[in-house]
């Protein structure tokens, strides 16, 4: 009886250890939106080891991070509406969770998300400057943040904030 209890305890401990290890291995999901003709997208894909031929919505893992990829513009720079809608849905969900649309990070600033003719835009008005543009590629959606462009530091900050 005593040996059986020890075996059961060891099995339970092993299951807990494996579950804990699996949870640590996947640090979060990054939704990655890219365009075929984007040089920064190609740099990001090389850096994060995106597999060739990955279909929209398929995922890969890099350094314990799950990336899910969507192409939002083809080689003729035509918008892929279905995937733009996916991006807009993710952004709208962030806005609802936060109660605020200021979650778009580009360079050193935070911008407000909005839609213009079905496309995701970002804007910011200050006393001496104004920015109002369509999203740049690549786009990384991480937790409650959207990072525009390939900026490893901003991606890492968003991953830390998402924990």
N, C-alpha and C. Protein backbone atom coordinates (compact mmCIF):
# COMPACT_ATOMS: atom_id res chain seq x y z
N UNK A 1 0.82 -1.19 0.00
CA UNK A 1 0.00 0.00 0.00
C UNK A 1 0.87 1.25 0.00
N UNK A 2 1.91 1.24 0.87
CA UNK A 2 2.80 2.39 0.97
C UNK A 2 3.53 2.64 -0.35
N UNK A 3 4.02 1.57 -1.02
CA UNK A 3 4.70 1.71 -2.31
C UNK A 3 3.76 2.27 -3.38
N UNK A 4 2.52 1.84 -3.32
CA UNK A 4 1.55 2.33 -4.30
C UNK A 4 1.33 3.84 -4.13
N UNK A 5 1.26 4.32 -2.88
CA UNK A 5 1.08 5.74 -2.61
C UNK A 5 2.28 6.54 -3.11
N UNK A 6 3.46 5.99 -2.93
CA UNK A 6 4.67 6.66 -3.40
C UNK A 6 4.66 6.76 -4.91
N UNK A 7 4.28 5.65 -5.59
CA UNK A 7 4.21 5.66 -7.06
C UNK A 7 3.21 6.70 -7.55
N UNK A 8 2.04 6.74 -6.92
CA UNK A 8 1.02 7.71 -7.32
C UNK A 8 1.52 9.14 -7.10
N UNK A 9 2.17 9.35 -5.96
CA UNK A 9 2.72 10.68 -5.67
C UNK A 9 3.78 11.08 -6.70
N UNK A 10 4.63 10.14 -7.08
CA UNK A 10 5.65 10.43 -8.09
C UNK A 10 5.03 10.73 -9.45
N UNK A 11 4.00 9.99 -9.81
CA UNK A 11 3.32 10.24 -11.09
C UNK A 11 2.68 11.62 -11.08
N UNK A 12 2.01 11.97 -10.01
CA UNK A 12 1.39 13.30 -9.90
C UNK A 12 2.45 14.40 -9.97
N UNK A 13 3.55 14.20 -9.28
CA UNK A 13 4.64 15.19 -9.30
C UNK A 13 5.21 15.34 -10.71
N UNK A 14 5.34 14.23 -11.42
CA UNK A 14 5.87 14.27 -12.79
C UNK A 14 4.91 15.02 -13.72
N UNK A 15 3.61 14.77 -13.58
CA UNK A 15 2.60 15.46 -14.41
C UNK A 15 2.65 16.96 -14.13
N UNK A 16 2.74 17.34 -12.87
CA UNK A 16 2.81 18.76 -12.51
C UNK A 16 4.08 19.39 -13.08
N UNK A 17 5.19 18.70 -12.98
CA UNK A 17 6.45 19.22 -13.50
C UNK A 17 6.40 19.41 -15.01
N UNK A 18 5.85 18.43 -15.72
CA UNK A 18 5.74 18.53 -17.18
C UNK A 18 4.81 19.67 -17.57
N UNK A 19 3.67 19.81 -16.88
CA UNK A 19 2.73 20.89 -17.17
C UNK A 19 3.38 22.24 -16.93
N UNK A 20 4.12 22.35 -15.84
CA UNK A 20 4.81 23.60 -15.52
C UNK A 20 5.86 23.92 -16.58
N UNK A 21 6.59 22.91 -17.02
CA UNK A 21 7.61 23.10 -18.04
C UNK A 21 6.99 23.54 -19.35
N UNK A 22 5.87 22.94 -19.74
CA UNK A 22 5.19 23.32 -20.98
C UNK A 22 4.70 24.76 -20.89
N UNK A 23 4.17 25.17 -19.75
CA UNK A 23 3.68 26.54 -19.58
C UNK A 23 4.83 27.53 -19.68
N UNK A 24 6.00 27.16 -19.18
CA UNK A 24 7.16 28.05 -19.25
C UNK A 24 7.70 28.13 -20.67
N UNK A 25 7.59 27.05 -21.44
CA UNK A 25 8.15 27.03 -22.78
C UNK A 25 7.41 27.99 -23.71
N UNK A 26 6.10 28.08 -23.63
CA UNK A 26 5.34 28.99 -24.48
C UNK A 26 5.06 30.25 -23.67
N UNK A 27 5.78 31.31 -24.00
CA UNK A 27 5.70 32.55 -23.24
C UNK A 27 4.52 33.41 -23.63
N UNK A 28 3.92 33.15 -24.77
CA UNK A 28 2.80 33.95 -25.23
C UNK A 28 2.63 33.78 -26.71
N UNK A 29 1.55 34.34 -27.23
CA UNK A 29 1.31 34.27 -28.67
C UNK A 29 1.50 35.65 -29.27
N UNK A 30 2.22 35.67 -30.37
CA UNK A 30 2.42 36.89 -31.14
C UNK A 30 1.70 36.70 -32.47
N UNK A 31 0.77 37.59 -32.76
CA UNK A 31 0.12 37.58 -34.07
C UNK A 31 0.95 38.48 -34.98
N UNK A 32 1.43 37.88 -36.05
CA UNK A 32 2.39 38.55 -36.94
C UNK A 32 1.74 38.78 -38.30
N UNK A 33 1.60 40.04 -38.70
CA UNK A 33 1.00 40.42 -39.98
C UNK A 33 2.09 41.02 -40.85
N UNK A 34 2.14 40.56 -42.11
CA UNK A 34 3.24 40.98 -42.98
C UNK A 34 2.76 41.18 -44.42
N UNK A 35 3.63 41.82 -45.21
CA UNK A 35 3.38 42.03 -46.63
C UNK A 35 4.52 41.40 -47.42
N UNK A 36 4.21 40.91 -48.62
CA UNK A 36 5.23 40.26 -49.46
C UNK A 36 6.38 41.19 -49.83
N UNK A 37 6.09 42.45 -50.13
CA UNK A 37 7.12 43.38 -50.62
C UNK A 37 7.72 44.25 -49.52
N UNK A 38 7.73 43.79 -48.32
CA UNK A 38 8.19 44.58 -47.18
C UNK A 38 9.57 44.11 -46.72
N UNK A 39 10.56 45.00 -46.83
CA UNK A 39 11.93 44.66 -46.42
C UNK A 39 12.02 44.39 -44.91
N UNK A 40 11.33 45.20 -44.11
CA UNK A 40 11.35 45.00 -42.66
C UNK A 40 10.70 43.68 -42.28
N UNK A 41 9.67 43.27 -43.05
CA UNK A 41 9.02 41.97 -42.80
C UNK A 41 10.00 40.83 -43.05
N UNK A 42 10.76 40.95 -44.10
CA UNK A 42 11.76 39.91 -44.42
C UNK A 42 12.82 39.81 -43.32
N UNK A 43 13.23 40.96 -42.77
CA UNK A 43 14.18 40.96 -41.65
C UNK A 43 13.57 40.27 -40.43
N UNK A 44 12.32 40.60 -40.13
CA UNK A 44 11.64 40.01 -38.97
C UNK A 44 11.51 38.50 -39.16
N UNK A 45 11.15 38.08 -40.36
CA UNK A 45 10.97 36.65 -40.63
C UNK A 45 12.29 35.89 -40.50
N UNK A 46 13.37 36.50 -40.95
CA UNK A 46 14.69 35.87 -40.80
C UNK A 46 15.08 35.79 -39.32
N UNK A 47 14.84 36.88 -38.59
CA UNK A 47 15.21 36.94 -37.18
C UNK A 47 14.42 35.90 -36.35
N UNK A 48 13.12 35.81 -36.60
CA UNK A 48 12.27 34.91 -35.83
C UNK A 48 12.12 33.53 -36.48
N UNK A 49 12.90 33.27 -37.52
CA UNK A 49 12.94 31.96 -38.20
C UNK A 49 11.56 31.48 -38.67
N UNK A 50 10.83 32.36 -39.35
CA UNK A 50 9.52 31.98 -39.90
C UNK A 50 9.73 30.95 -41.00
N UNK A 51 9.07 29.80 -40.92
CA UNK A 51 9.22 28.78 -41.96
C UNK A 51 8.64 29.25 -43.31
N UNK A 52 9.25 28.82 -44.39
CA UNK A 52 8.75 29.12 -45.74
C UNK A 52 7.43 28.37 -45.95
N UNK A 53 6.56 28.95 -46.74
CA UNK A 53 5.34 28.28 -47.14
C UNK A 53 4.28 28.16 -46.06
N UNK A 54 4.42 28.90 -44.97
CA UNK A 54 3.44 28.85 -43.90
C UNK A 54 2.13 29.48 -44.38
N UNK A 55 1.02 28.82 -44.14
CA UNK A 55 -0.29 29.33 -44.57
C UNK A 55 -0.83 30.30 -43.54
N UNK A 56 -1.73 31.17 -43.99
CA UNK A 56 -2.36 32.13 -43.08
C UNK A 56 -3.00 31.44 -41.90
N UNK A 57 -2.70 31.96 -40.71
CA UNK A 57 -3.25 31.39 -39.48
C UNK A 57 -2.43 30.25 -38.91
N UNK A 58 -1.41 29.78 -39.65
CA UNK A 58 -0.53 28.74 -39.12
C UNK A 58 0.50 29.36 -38.18
N UNK A 59 1.05 28.54 -37.33
CA UNK A 59 1.97 29.03 -36.30
C UNK A 59 3.31 28.33 -36.34
N UNK A 60 4.29 28.96 -35.72
CA UNK A 60 5.59 28.36 -35.47
C UNK A 60 6.08 28.89 -34.13
N UNK A 61 7.05 28.22 -33.56
CA UNK A 61 7.61 28.65 -32.27
C UNK A 61 9.05 29.11 -32.45
N UNK A 62 9.38 30.17 -31.75
CA UNK A 62 10.75 30.66 -31.74
C UNK A 62 11.06 31.09 -30.31
N UNK A 63 12.08 30.49 -29.73
CA UNK A 63 12.55 30.87 -28.41
C UNK A 63 11.42 30.84 -27.37
N UNK A 64 10.54 29.84 -27.48
CA UNK A 64 9.44 29.70 -26.53
C UNK A 64 8.26 30.60 -26.79
N UNK A 65 8.26 31.30 -27.92
CA UNK A 65 7.17 32.21 -28.26
C UNK A 65 6.43 31.65 -29.46
N UNK A 66 5.13 31.59 -29.37
CA UNK A 66 4.31 31.11 -30.49
C UNK A 66 3.96 32.30 -31.39
N UNK A 67 4.30 32.19 -32.67
CA UNK A 67 3.97 33.21 -33.66
C UNK A 67 2.88 32.65 -34.58
N UNK A 68 1.85 33.43 -34.83
CA UNK A 68 0.80 33.07 -35.77
C UNK A 68 0.81 34.12 -36.88
N UNK A 69 1.00 33.67 -38.12
CA UNK A 69 1.25 34.58 -39.24
C UNK A 69 0.03 34.78 -40.14
N UNK A 70 -0.10 36.02 -40.62
CA UNK A 70 -1.12 36.39 -41.60
C UNK A 70 -0.52 37.37 -42.60
N UNK A 71 -0.68 37.07 -43.87
CA UNK A 71 -0.22 37.97 -44.93
C UNK A 71 -1.34 38.98 -45.18
N UNK A 72 -1.03 40.30 -45.10
CA UNK A 72 -2.06 41.31 -45.30
C UNK A 72 -1.94 42.04 -46.63
N UNK A 73 -0.85 41.80 -47.36
CA UNK A 73 -0.70 42.36 -48.71
C UNK A 73 0.13 41.39 -49.55
N UNK A 74 -0.33 41.15 -50.78
CA UNK A 74 0.36 40.21 -51.65
C UNK A 74 1.50 40.89 -52.42
N UNK A 75 2.12 40.16 -53.34
CA UNK A 75 3.27 40.67 -54.08
C UNK A 75 2.91 41.85 -54.99
N UNK A 76 1.63 42.01 -55.32
CA UNK A 76 1.19 43.17 -56.11
C UNK A 76 0.72 44.30 -55.20
N UNK A 77 0.96 44.15 -53.91
CA UNK A 77 0.59 45.11 -52.88
C UNK A 77 -0.92 45.26 -52.74
N UNK A 78 -1.65 44.22 -53.10
CA UNK A 78 -3.10 44.20 -52.94
C UNK A 78 -3.44 43.70 -51.54
N UNK A 79 -4.36 44.39 -50.91
CA UNK A 79 -4.76 44.05 -49.55
C UNK A 79 -5.51 42.71 -49.55
N UNK A 80 -5.22 41.89 -48.57
CA UNK A 80 -5.92 40.63 -48.36
C UNK A 80 -6.95 40.90 -47.26
N UNK A 81 -8.17 41.18 -47.69
CA UNK A 81 -9.23 41.68 -46.82
C UNK A 81 -9.50 40.77 -45.62
N UNK A 82 -9.55 39.48 -45.85
CA UNK A 82 -9.83 38.53 -44.75
C UNK A 82 -8.83 38.71 -43.61
N UNK A 83 -7.56 38.87 -43.96
CA UNK A 83 -6.52 38.99 -42.93
C UNK A 83 -6.50 40.38 -42.30
N UNK A 84 -6.85 41.40 -43.08
CA UNK A 84 -6.98 42.75 -42.52
C UNK A 84 -8.12 42.75 -41.50
N UNK A 85 -9.20 42.04 -41.82
CA UNK A 85 -10.32 41.94 -40.88
C UNK A 85 -9.90 41.24 -39.59
N UNK A 86 -9.04 40.23 -39.71
CA UNK A 86 -8.51 39.56 -38.52
C UNK A 86 -7.72 40.54 -37.66
N UNK A 87 -6.88 41.35 -38.30
CA UNK A 87 -6.10 42.36 -37.58
C UNK A 87 -7.02 43.37 -36.92
N UNK A 88 -8.02 43.86 -37.66
CA UNK A 88 -8.96 44.81 -37.08
C UNK A 88 -9.73 44.21 -35.90
N UNK A 89 -10.09 42.94 -36.00
CA UNK A 89 -10.81 42.28 -34.90
C UNK A 89 -9.94 42.20 -33.65
N UNK A 90 -8.68 41.85 -33.83
CA UNK A 90 -7.76 41.79 -32.68
C UNK A 90 -7.61 43.17 -32.05
N UNK A 91 -7.48 44.20 -32.88
CA UNK A 91 -7.33 45.57 -32.37
C UNK A 91 -8.60 46.03 -31.65
N UNK A 92 -9.76 45.74 -32.21
CA UNK A 92 -11.02 46.11 -31.57
C UNK A 92 -11.16 45.44 -30.21
N UNK A 93 -10.75 44.17 -30.13
CA UNK A 93 -10.81 43.44 -28.86
C UNK A 93 -9.89 44.08 -27.81
N UNK A 94 -8.73 44.52 -28.24
CA UNK A 94 -7.80 45.20 -27.32
C UNK A 94 -8.46 46.48 -26.81
N UNK A 95 -9.04 47.25 -27.71
CA UNK A 95 -9.71 48.50 -27.32
C UNK A 95 -10.82 48.26 -26.32
N UNK A 96 -11.59 47.19 -26.51
CA UNK A 96 -12.67 46.87 -25.57
C UNK A 96 -12.11 46.48 -24.20
N UNK A 97 -11.05 45.65 -24.21
CA UNK A 97 -10.45 45.22 -22.93
C UNK A 97 -9.88 46.40 -22.17
N UNK A 98 -9.21 47.29 -22.90
CA UNK A 98 -8.54 48.42 -22.25
C UNK A 98 -9.48 49.59 -21.98
N UNK A 99 -10.57 49.68 -22.77
CA UNK A 99 -11.45 50.83 -22.65
C UNK A 99 -10.82 52.07 -23.25
N UNK A 100 -9.86 51.85 -24.16
CA UNK A 100 -9.08 52.95 -24.74
C UNK A 100 -8.41 52.42 -25.99
N UNK A 101 -8.28 53.24 -27.02
CA UNK A 101 -7.65 52.80 -28.27
C UNK A 101 -6.20 53.22 -28.41
N UNK A 102 -5.57 53.68 -27.36
CA UNK A 102 -4.16 54.08 -27.42
C UNK A 102 -3.27 52.91 -27.02
N UNK A 103 -3.02 52.04 -28.00
CA UNK A 103 -2.21 50.84 -27.74
C UNK A 103 -1.31 50.49 -28.92
N UNK A 104 -1.14 51.41 -29.87
CA UNK A 104 -0.30 51.17 -31.03
C UNK A 104 1.07 51.80 -30.77
N UNK A 105 2.12 50.96 -30.81
CA UNK A 105 3.47 51.43 -30.52
C UNK A 105 4.28 51.50 -31.82
N UNK A 106 4.82 52.68 -32.07
CA UNK A 106 5.68 52.88 -33.23
C UNK A 106 6.82 53.78 -32.80
N UNK A 107 8.02 53.27 -32.99
CA UNK A 107 9.23 53.94 -32.51
C UNK A 107 9.08 54.20 -31.03
N UNK A 108 9.13 55.44 -30.59
CA UNK A 108 9.10 55.72 -29.14
C UNK A 108 7.72 56.15 -28.63
N UNK A 109 6.74 56.23 -29.51
CA UNK A 109 5.45 56.79 -29.12
C UNK A 109 4.33 55.76 -29.13
N UNK A 110 3.26 56.12 -28.42
CA UNK A 110 2.04 55.33 -28.39
C UNK A 110 0.98 56.11 -29.15
N UNK A 111 0.27 55.41 -30.02
CA UNK A 111 -0.72 56.04 -30.88
C UNK A 111 -2.09 55.41 -30.68
N UNK A 112 -3.09 56.11 -31.18
CA UNK A 112 -4.47 55.64 -31.11
C UNK A 112 -4.80 54.83 -32.37
N UNK A 113 -5.46 53.71 -32.18
CA UNK A 113 -5.92 52.87 -33.29
C UNK A 113 -7.30 53.34 -33.73
N UNK A 114 -7.54 53.33 -35.04
CA UNK A 114 -8.89 53.49 -35.59
C UNK A 114 -8.92 52.89 -36.98
N UNK A 115 -10.13 52.72 -37.51
CA UNK A 115 -10.30 52.17 -38.85
C UNK A 115 -10.70 53.29 -39.80
N UNK A 116 -10.14 53.22 -41.01
CA UNK A 116 -10.48 54.16 -42.08
C UNK A 116 -10.71 53.35 -43.34
N UNK A 117 -11.94 53.30 -43.82
CA UNK A 117 -12.31 52.52 -45.00
C UNK A 117 -11.90 51.05 -44.87
N UNK A 118 -12.06 50.53 -43.67
CA UNK A 118 -11.79 49.12 -43.41
C UNK A 118 -10.34 48.79 -43.13
N UNK A 119 -9.45 49.78 -43.21
CA UNK A 119 -8.02 49.54 -42.95
C UNK A 119 -7.63 50.06 -41.57
N UNK A 120 -6.68 49.39 -40.91
CA UNK A 120 -6.23 49.87 -39.60
C UNK A 120 -5.31 51.08 -39.75
N UNK A 121 -5.60 52.12 -38.98
CA UNK A 121 -4.81 53.35 -38.98
C UNK A 121 -4.33 53.66 -37.58
N UNK A 122 -3.33 54.53 -37.47
CA UNK A 122 -2.89 55.02 -36.17
C UNK A 122 -2.70 56.52 -36.26
N UNK A 123 -2.99 57.20 -35.13
CA UNK A 123 -2.89 58.66 -35.14
C UNK A 123 -2.50 59.19 -33.77
N UNK A 124 -1.96 60.40 -33.85
CA UNK A 124 -1.61 61.13 -32.64
C UNK A 124 -1.53 62.59 -33.01
N UNK A 125 -2.16 63.42 -32.21
CA UNK A 125 -2.08 64.86 -32.40
C UNK A 125 -1.45 65.47 -31.17
N UNK A 126 -0.45 66.30 -31.42
CA UNK A 126 0.19 67.04 -30.35
C UNK A 126 0.21 68.50 -30.76
N UNK A 127 0.72 69.31 -29.92
CA UNK A 127 0.71 70.76 -30.17
C UNK A 127 1.40 71.11 -31.49
N UNK A 128 2.55 70.51 -31.76
CA UNK A 128 3.34 70.88 -32.94
C UNK A 128 3.47 69.77 -33.98
N UNK A 129 2.76 68.68 -33.80
CA UNK A 129 2.88 67.59 -34.77
C UNK A 129 1.59 66.79 -34.86
N UNK A 130 1.45 66.14 -35.99
CA UNK A 130 0.29 65.28 -36.20
C UNK A 130 0.71 64.08 -37.02
N UNK A 131 0.28 62.91 -36.62
CA UNK A 131 0.56 61.68 -37.35
C UNK A 131 -0.77 60.97 -37.55
N UNK A 132 -1.06 60.59 -38.78
CA UNK A 132 -2.32 59.93 -39.11
C UNK A 132 -2.07 59.10 -40.36
N UNK A 133 -1.80 57.79 -40.17
CA UNK A 133 -1.39 56.94 -41.29
C UNK A 133 -1.96 55.53 -41.14
N UNK A 134 -1.97 54.81 -42.26
CA UNK A 134 -2.30 53.38 -42.23
C UNK A 134 -1.19 52.63 -41.51
N UNK A 135 -1.54 51.50 -40.92
CA UNK A 135 -0.53 50.68 -40.23
C UNK A 135 0.62 50.37 -41.18
N UNK A 136 1.82 50.40 -40.64
CA UNK A 136 3.03 49.98 -41.35
C UNK A 136 3.24 48.50 -41.10
N UNK A 137 3.96 47.83 -41.99
CA UNK A 137 4.29 46.42 -41.77
C UNK A 137 5.76 46.30 -41.43
N UNK A 138 6.10 45.24 -40.70
CA UNK A 138 5.22 44.23 -40.11
C UNK A 138 4.45 44.77 -38.92
N UNK A 139 3.39 44.04 -38.56
CA UNK A 139 2.57 44.37 -37.39
C UNK A 139 2.63 43.17 -36.45
N UNK A 140 2.93 43.44 -35.19
CA UNK A 140 2.97 42.41 -34.15
C UNK A 140 1.88 42.74 -33.13
N UNK A 141 0.94 41.83 -32.93
CA UNK A 141 -0.09 42.01 -31.91
C UNK A 141 0.28 41.08 -30.75
N UNK A 142 0.57 41.72 -29.61
CA UNK A 142 1.07 40.98 -28.44
C UNK A 142 0.31 41.45 -27.22
N UNK A 143 -0.50 40.58 -26.65
CA UNK A 143 -1.29 40.97 -25.49
C UNK A 143 -2.18 42.16 -25.84
N UNK A 144 -2.03 43.24 -25.09
CA UNK A 144 -2.82 44.46 -25.34
C UNK A 144 -2.01 45.53 -26.05
N UNK A 145 -1.03 45.11 -26.83
CA UNK A 145 -0.21 46.08 -27.58
C UNK A 145 -0.12 45.67 -29.04
N UNK A 146 0.01 46.68 -29.89
CA UNK A 146 0.28 46.49 -31.30
C UNK A 146 1.58 47.20 -31.60
N UNK A 147 2.55 46.49 -32.13
CA UNK A 147 3.86 47.07 -32.46
C UNK A 147 3.96 47.14 -33.98
N UNK A 148 4.24 48.35 -34.48
CA UNK A 148 4.40 48.55 -35.92
C UNK A 148 5.88 48.60 -36.28
N UNK A 149 6.23 47.94 -37.38
CA UNK A 149 7.62 47.91 -37.82
C UNK A 149 8.39 46.83 -37.07
N UNK A 150 9.58 46.55 -37.55
CA UNK A 150 10.41 45.52 -36.91
C UNK A 150 11.32 46.20 -35.90
N UNK A 151 10.89 46.19 -34.65
CA UNK A 151 11.62 46.81 -33.56
C UNK A 151 11.70 45.78 -32.44
N UNK A 152 12.84 45.08 -32.36
CA UNK A 152 13.00 43.99 -31.40
C UNK A 152 12.76 44.45 -29.96
N UNK A 153 13.21 45.66 -29.64
CA UNK A 153 13.05 46.17 -28.28
C UNK A 153 11.57 46.34 -27.93
N UNK A 154 10.78 46.91 -28.84
CA UNK A 154 9.35 47.08 -28.58
C UNK A 154 8.63 45.74 -28.49
N UNK A 155 9.03 44.79 -29.33
CA UNK A 155 8.43 43.45 -29.28
C UNK A 155 8.73 42.81 -27.92
N UNK A 156 9.96 42.91 -27.44
CA UNK A 156 10.33 42.34 -26.15
C UNK A 156 9.57 43.02 -25.01
N UNK A 157 9.43 44.34 -25.07
CA UNK A 157 8.67 45.07 -24.04
C UNK A 157 7.21 44.61 -24.03
N UNK A 158 6.64 44.43 -25.21
CA UNK A 158 5.25 43.98 -25.29
C UNK A 158 5.10 42.57 -24.73
N UNK A 159 6.06 41.69 -25.01
CA UNK A 159 6.02 40.33 -24.46
C UNK A 159 6.08 40.35 -22.94
N UNK A 160 6.94 41.20 -22.38
CA UNK A 160 7.05 41.30 -20.92
C UNK A 160 5.76 41.85 -20.33
N UNK A 161 5.16 42.85 -20.99
CA UNK A 161 3.91 43.45 -20.48
C UNK A 161 2.74 42.47 -20.57
N UNK A 162 2.80 41.53 -21.51
CA UNK A 162 1.70 40.57 -21.70
C UNK A 162 1.68 39.48 -20.65
N UNK A 163 2.75 39.31 -19.91
CA UNK A 163 2.82 38.24 -18.90
C UNK A 163 1.91 38.50 -17.74
